[in-house]
N, C-alpha and C. Protein backbone atom coordinates (compact mmCIF):
# COMPACT_ATOMS: atom_id res chain seq x y z
N UNK A 1 0.85 -1.19 0.00
CA UNK A 1 0.00 0.00 0.00
C UNK A 1 0.89 1.24 0.00
N UNK A 2 0.54 2.23 -0.79
CA UNK A 2 1.33 3.45 -0.90
C UNK A 2 1.15 4.31 0.35
N UNK A 3 2.19 5.05 0.67
CA UNK A 3 2.13 5.94 1.84
C UNK A 3 1.23 7.14 1.54
N UNK A 4 0.48 7.54 2.55
CA UNK A 4 -0.35 8.72 2.42
C UNK A 4 0.51 9.95 2.70
N UNK A 5 -0.02 11.11 2.41
CA UNK A 5 0.70 12.37 2.69
C UNK A 5 0.95 12.49 4.18
N UNK A 6 -0.02 12.06 4.97
CA UNK A 6 0.13 12.10 6.43
C UNK A 6 1.32 11.27 6.88
N UNK A 7 1.49 10.09 6.30
CA UNK A 7 2.62 9.23 6.65
C UNK A 7 3.93 9.79 6.13
N UNK A 8 3.90 10.41 4.96
CA UNK A 8 5.12 11.02 4.40
C UNK A 8 5.61 12.17 5.28
N UNK A 9 4.70 12.84 5.94
CA UNK A 9 5.06 13.96 6.81
C UNK A 9 5.42 13.50 8.22
N UNK A 10 5.46 12.18 8.43
CA UNK A 10 5.88 11.66 9.73
C UNK A 10 4.75 11.23 10.63
N UNK A 11 3.52 11.24 10.12
CA UNK A 11 2.38 10.83 10.92
C UNK A 11 2.29 9.33 11.04
N UNK A 12 1.66 8.89 12.09
CA UNK A 12 1.48 7.45 12.34
C UNK A 12 0.00 7.16 12.58
N UNK A 13 -0.37 5.93 12.27
CA UNK A 13 -1.74 5.48 12.48
C UNK A 13 -1.79 4.45 13.60
N UNK A 14 -2.95 4.37 14.24
CA UNK A 14 -3.19 3.37 15.28
C UNK A 14 -4.42 2.57 14.88
N UNK A 15 -4.32 1.26 14.92
CA UNK A 15 -5.45 0.42 14.51
C UNK A 15 -6.42 0.27 15.68
N UNK A 16 -7.68 0.58 15.41
CA UNK A 16 -8.75 0.37 16.39
C UNK A 16 -9.86 -0.38 15.68
N UNK A 17 -9.92 -1.68 15.96
CA UNK A 17 -10.89 -2.52 15.26
C UNK A 17 -10.47 -2.66 13.80
N UNK A 18 -11.36 -2.32 12.89
CA UNK A 18 -11.07 -2.38 11.46
C UNK A 18 -10.61 -1.04 10.91
N UNK A 19 -10.41 -0.05 11.76
CA UNK A 19 -10.09 1.30 11.30
C UNK A 19 -8.67 1.69 11.68
N UNK A 20 -8.06 2.52 10.83
CA UNK A 20 -6.77 3.12 11.15
C UNK A 20 -7.05 4.57 11.53
N UNK A 21 -6.76 4.92 12.76
CA UNK A 21 -7.01 6.26 13.28
C UNK A 21 -5.67 6.97 13.38
N UNK A 22 -5.56 8.22 12.84
CA UNK A 22 -4.29 8.94 12.95
C UNK A 22 -3.99 9.30 14.40
N UNK A 23 -2.74 9.16 14.78
CA UNK A 23 -2.29 9.53 16.13
C UNK A 23 -1.98 11.03 16.12
N UNK A 24 -2.86 11.80 16.67
CA UNK A 24 -2.68 13.26 16.71
C UNK A 24 -2.39 13.67 18.14
N UNK A 25 -1.42 14.54 18.30
CA UNK A 25 -1.05 15.06 19.62
C UNK A 25 -1.17 16.57 19.61
N UNK A 26 -1.82 17.11 20.60
CA UNK A 26 -1.90 18.56 20.75
C UNK A 26 -0.58 19.01 21.36
N UNK A 27 0.05 20.06 20.80
CA UNK A 27 1.32 20.52 21.36
C UNK A 27 1.18 20.92 22.82
N UNK A 28 2.24 20.68 23.58
CA UNK A 28 2.24 21.08 24.99
C UNK A 28 2.18 22.59 25.08
N UNK A 29 1.44 23.06 26.05
CA UNK A 29 1.23 24.50 26.20
C UNK A 29 1.58 24.92 27.62
N UNK A 30 2.23 26.07 27.74
CA UNK A 30 2.59 26.58 29.06
C UNK A 30 1.32 27.02 29.79
N UNK A 31 1.17 26.55 31.01
CA UNK A 31 0.00 26.91 31.81
C UNK A 31 0.16 28.34 32.33
N UNK A 32 -0.86 29.14 32.10
CA UNK A 32 -0.88 30.52 32.59
C UNK A 32 -2.23 30.74 33.28
N UNK A 33 -2.25 31.52 34.34
CA UNK A 33 -3.53 31.77 35.00
C UNK A 33 -4.45 32.61 34.11
N UNK A 34 -5.70 32.22 34.08
CA UNK A 34 -6.70 32.94 33.28
C UNK A 34 -7.79 33.41 34.23
N UNK A 35 -8.03 34.71 34.23
CA UNK A 35 -9.02 35.29 35.12
C UNK A 35 -10.42 35.27 34.54
N UNK A 36 -11.27 36.09 35.12
CA UNK A 36 -12.68 36.12 34.75
C UNK A 36 -12.87 36.58 33.31
N UNK A 37 -12.09 37.55 32.86
CA UNK A 37 -12.24 38.07 31.50
C UNK A 37 -11.82 37.02 30.48
N UNK A 38 -10.76 36.29 30.77
CA UNK A 38 -10.32 35.22 29.89
C UNK A 38 -11.33 34.09 29.82
N UNK A 39 -11.96 33.77 30.97
CA UNK A 39 -12.97 32.72 30.99
C UNK A 39 -14.20 33.13 30.18
N UNK A 40 -14.58 34.39 30.29
CA UNK A 40 -15.73 34.87 29.52
C UNK A 40 -15.43 34.83 28.03
N UNK A 41 -14.20 35.19 27.66
CA UNK A 41 -13.83 35.14 26.25
C UNK A 41 -13.78 33.70 25.75
N UNK A 42 -13.34 32.78 26.59
CA UNK A 42 -13.33 31.36 26.24
C UNK A 42 -14.76 30.88 25.96
N UNK A 43 -15.70 31.25 26.80
CA UNK A 43 -17.11 30.89 26.58
C UNK A 43 -17.61 31.47 25.26
N UNK A 44 -17.23 32.73 24.97
CA UNK A 44 -17.62 33.37 23.72
C UNK A 44 -17.05 32.61 22.53
N UNK A 45 -15.77 32.25 22.59
CA UNK A 45 -15.16 31.51 21.49
C UNK A 45 -15.85 30.17 21.27
N UNK A 46 -16.14 29.46 22.35
CA UNK A 46 -16.78 28.16 22.23
C UNK A 46 -18.18 28.27 21.63
N UNK A 47 -18.88 29.34 21.97
CA UNK A 47 -20.27 29.47 21.54
C UNK A 47 -20.40 30.08 20.15
N UNK A 48 -19.60 31.13 19.84
CA UNK A 48 -19.81 31.87 18.61
C UNK A 48 -18.67 31.76 17.60
N UNK A 49 -17.48 31.39 18.02
CA UNK A 49 -16.31 31.32 17.13
C UNK A 49 -15.65 29.96 17.26
N UNK A 50 -16.37 28.92 16.89
CA UNK A 50 -15.88 27.55 17.10
C UNK A 50 -14.62 27.26 16.30
N UNK A 51 -14.53 27.78 15.07
CA UNK A 51 -13.34 27.51 14.25
C UNK A 51 -12.11 28.17 14.86
N UNK A 52 -12.24 29.41 15.30
CA UNK A 52 -11.13 30.10 15.95
C UNK A 52 -10.71 29.35 17.21
N UNK A 53 -11.68 28.92 18.00
CA UNK A 53 -11.39 28.15 19.21
C UNK A 53 -10.63 26.87 18.87
N UNK A 54 -11.09 26.14 17.88
CA UNK A 54 -10.45 24.88 17.50
C UNK A 54 -9.04 25.13 16.98
N UNK A 55 -8.86 26.16 16.17
CA UNK A 55 -7.52 26.48 15.65
C UNK A 55 -6.55 26.84 16.77
N UNK A 56 -7.00 27.65 17.71
CA UNK A 56 -6.13 28.02 18.83
C UNK A 56 -5.82 26.81 19.71
N UNK A 57 -6.82 25.96 19.92
CA UNK A 57 -6.63 24.79 20.75
C UNK A 57 -5.64 23.80 20.13
N UNK A 58 -5.82 23.51 18.85
CA UNK A 58 -4.96 22.52 18.20
C UNK A 58 -3.56 23.04 17.91
N UNK A 59 -3.40 24.36 17.84
CA UNK A 59 -2.07 24.91 17.60
C UNK A 59 -1.29 25.09 18.91
N UNK A 60 -1.96 24.92 20.05
CA UNK A 60 -1.30 25.06 21.34
C UNK A 60 -1.15 26.50 21.80
N UNK A 61 -1.95 27.40 21.25
CA UNK A 61 -1.85 28.82 21.62
C UNK A 61 -3.04 29.34 22.40
N UNK A 62 -4.00 28.49 22.71
CA UNK A 62 -5.23 28.94 23.36
C UNK A 62 -4.98 29.56 24.72
N UNK A 63 -4.20 28.91 25.56
CA UNK A 63 -3.96 29.40 26.92
C UNK A 63 -3.24 30.75 26.90
N UNK A 64 -2.21 30.88 26.06
CA UNK A 64 -1.49 32.16 25.96
C UNK A 64 -2.40 33.26 25.44
N UNK A 65 -3.24 32.93 24.46
CA UNK A 65 -4.18 33.90 23.89
C UNK A 65 -5.17 34.39 24.95
N UNK A 66 -5.73 33.46 25.72
CA UNK A 66 -6.70 33.83 26.75
C UNK A 66 -6.04 34.63 27.88
N UNK A 67 -4.80 34.28 28.23
CA UNK A 67 -4.09 35.04 29.27
C UNK A 67 -3.84 36.47 28.79
N UNK A 68 -3.52 36.64 27.52
CA UNK A 68 -3.30 37.98 26.97
C UNK A 68 -4.60 38.78 26.94
N UNK A 69 -5.69 38.15 26.52
CA UNK A 69 -7.00 38.81 26.52
C UNK A 69 -7.38 39.23 27.94
N UNK A 70 -7.15 38.35 28.90
CA UNK A 70 -7.47 38.64 30.29
C UNK A 70 -6.66 39.83 30.80
N UNK A 71 -5.37 39.86 30.48
CA UNK A 71 -4.50 40.96 30.91
C UNK A 71 -4.97 42.29 30.32
N UNK A 72 -5.27 42.30 29.00
CA UNK A 72 -5.73 43.53 28.34
C UNK A 72 -7.05 44.02 28.93
N UNK A 73 -7.99 43.10 29.14
CA UNK A 73 -9.29 43.49 29.68
C UNK A 73 -9.17 44.01 31.11
N UNK A 74 -8.31 43.40 31.91
CA UNK A 74 -8.11 43.87 33.28
C UNK A 74 -7.50 45.26 33.30
N UNK A 75 -6.54 45.51 32.41
CA UNK A 75 -5.94 46.85 32.32
C UNK A 75 -6.98 47.88 31.91
N UNK A 76 -7.83 47.54 30.94
CA UNK A 76 -8.88 48.46 30.50
C UNK A 76 -9.87 48.73 31.62
N UNK A 77 -10.24 47.69 32.35
CA UNK A 77 -11.18 47.82 33.45
C UNK A 77 -10.60 48.75 34.52
N UNK A 78 -9.34 48.55 34.88
CA UNK A 78 -8.70 49.40 35.89
C UNK A 78 -8.60 50.84 35.42
N UNK A 79 -8.29 51.04 34.13
CA UNK A 79 -8.22 52.40 33.57
C UNK A 79 -9.60 53.06 33.62
N UNK A 80 -10.64 52.32 33.33
CA UNK A 80 -12.00 52.85 33.37
C UNK A 80 -12.38 53.26 34.79
N UNK A 81 -12.04 52.44 35.76
CA UNK A 81 -12.33 52.76 37.16
C UNK A 81 -11.59 54.03 37.57
N UNK A 82 -10.32 54.14 37.19
CA UNK A 82 -9.55 55.35 37.52
C UNK A 82 -10.17 56.58 36.88
N UNK A 83 -10.60 56.47 35.62
CA UNK A 83 -11.24 57.61 34.95
C UNK A 83 -12.54 58.00 35.65
N UNK A 84 -13.30 57.02 36.12
CA UNK A 84 -14.54 57.33 36.83
C UNK A 84 -14.24 58.01 38.16
N UNK A 85 -13.19 57.57 38.84
CA UNK A 85 -12.80 58.22 40.10
C UNK A 85 -12.37 59.66 39.85
N UNK A 86 -11.63 59.88 38.79
CA UNK A 86 -11.18 61.23 38.44
C UNK A 86 -12.39 62.13 38.16
N UNK A 87 -13.37 61.60 37.41
CA UNK A 87 -14.54 62.39 37.06
C UNK A 87 -15.34 62.76 38.30
N UNK A 88 -15.47 61.84 39.25
CA UNK A 88 -16.20 62.14 40.48
C UNK A 88 -15.42 63.12 41.35
N UNK A 89 -14.13 63.01 41.35
CA UNK A 89 -13.30 63.90 42.15
C UNK A 89 -13.31 65.33 41.65
N UNK A 90 -13.56 65.55 40.36
CA UNK A 90 -13.57 66.89 39.80
C UNK A 90 -14.90 67.60 39.97
N UNK A 91 -15.88 66.96 40.55
CA UNK A 91 -17.15 67.60 40.83
C UNK A 91 -18.16 67.48 39.71
N UNK A 92 -17.88 66.72 38.69
CA UNK A 92 -18.83 66.62 37.58
C UNK A 92 -20.10 65.85 37.98
N UNK A 93 -20.01 65.01 38.97
CA UNK A 93 -21.18 64.24 39.39
C UNK A 93 -21.88 64.90 40.56
N UNK A 94 -21.20 65.77 41.29
CA UNK A 94 -21.75 66.36 42.51
C UNK A 94 -22.99 67.21 42.25
N UNK A 95 -23.08 67.81 41.09
CA UNK A 95 -24.20 68.70 40.81
C UNK A 95 -25.51 67.99 40.58
N UNK A 96 -25.51 66.73 40.35
CA UNK A 96 -26.73 65.99 40.07
C UNK A 96 -27.52 65.73 41.37
N UNK A 97 -28.84 65.72 41.25
CA UNK A 97 -29.68 65.40 42.40
C UNK A 97 -29.82 63.90 42.51
N UNK A 98 -29.84 63.42 43.73
CA UNK A 98 -30.01 61.99 43.95
C UNK A 98 -31.49 61.65 43.94
N UNK A 99 -31.81 60.45 43.46
CA UNK A 99 -33.18 59.99 43.46
C UNK A 99 -33.41 59.06 44.65
N UNK A 100 -34.56 59.25 45.29
CA UNK A 100 -34.93 58.34 46.35
C UNK A 100 -35.51 57.08 45.73
N UNK A 101 -35.83 56.12 46.58
CA UNK A 101 -36.36 54.85 46.10
C UNK A 101 -37.70 55.02 45.38
N UNK A 102 -38.47 56.04 45.74
CA UNK A 102 -39.77 56.24 45.10
C UNK A 102 -39.66 57.06 43.81
N UNK A 103 -38.44 57.44 43.40
CA UNK A 103 -38.22 58.13 42.14
C UNK A 103 -38.24 59.64 42.24
N UNK A 104 -38.43 60.20 43.45
CA UNK A 104 -38.47 61.65 43.61
C UNK A 104 -37.06 62.15 43.92
N UNK A 105 -36.75 63.34 43.45
CA UNK A 105 -35.44 63.92 43.70
C UNK A 105 -35.34 64.45 45.12
N UNK A 106 -34.13 64.35 45.69
CA UNK A 106 -33.89 64.88 47.04
C UNK A 106 -33.39 66.27 46.97
């Protein structure tokens, strides 16, 4: 039997019953902590971007990608909080009237 392209490139098959199944290994990936933003992006990829998720997973770059997304989102979140603190400190929010629970202004 002639070699397939997979075998010519160094791939091997494993016999399971009457079938030859290619032996595929996912590359080892460095473990990095992934926070809440990375987990949310992972859920998004799994639900709406399945091809991108599969490509990142099989190439061994998923964990690094999610860690980078998490880092960027955390930096943006912290910057947003700082900007909100600055805006409140400058008196831009002080002039507004507060609403009571019944919807009337104080």
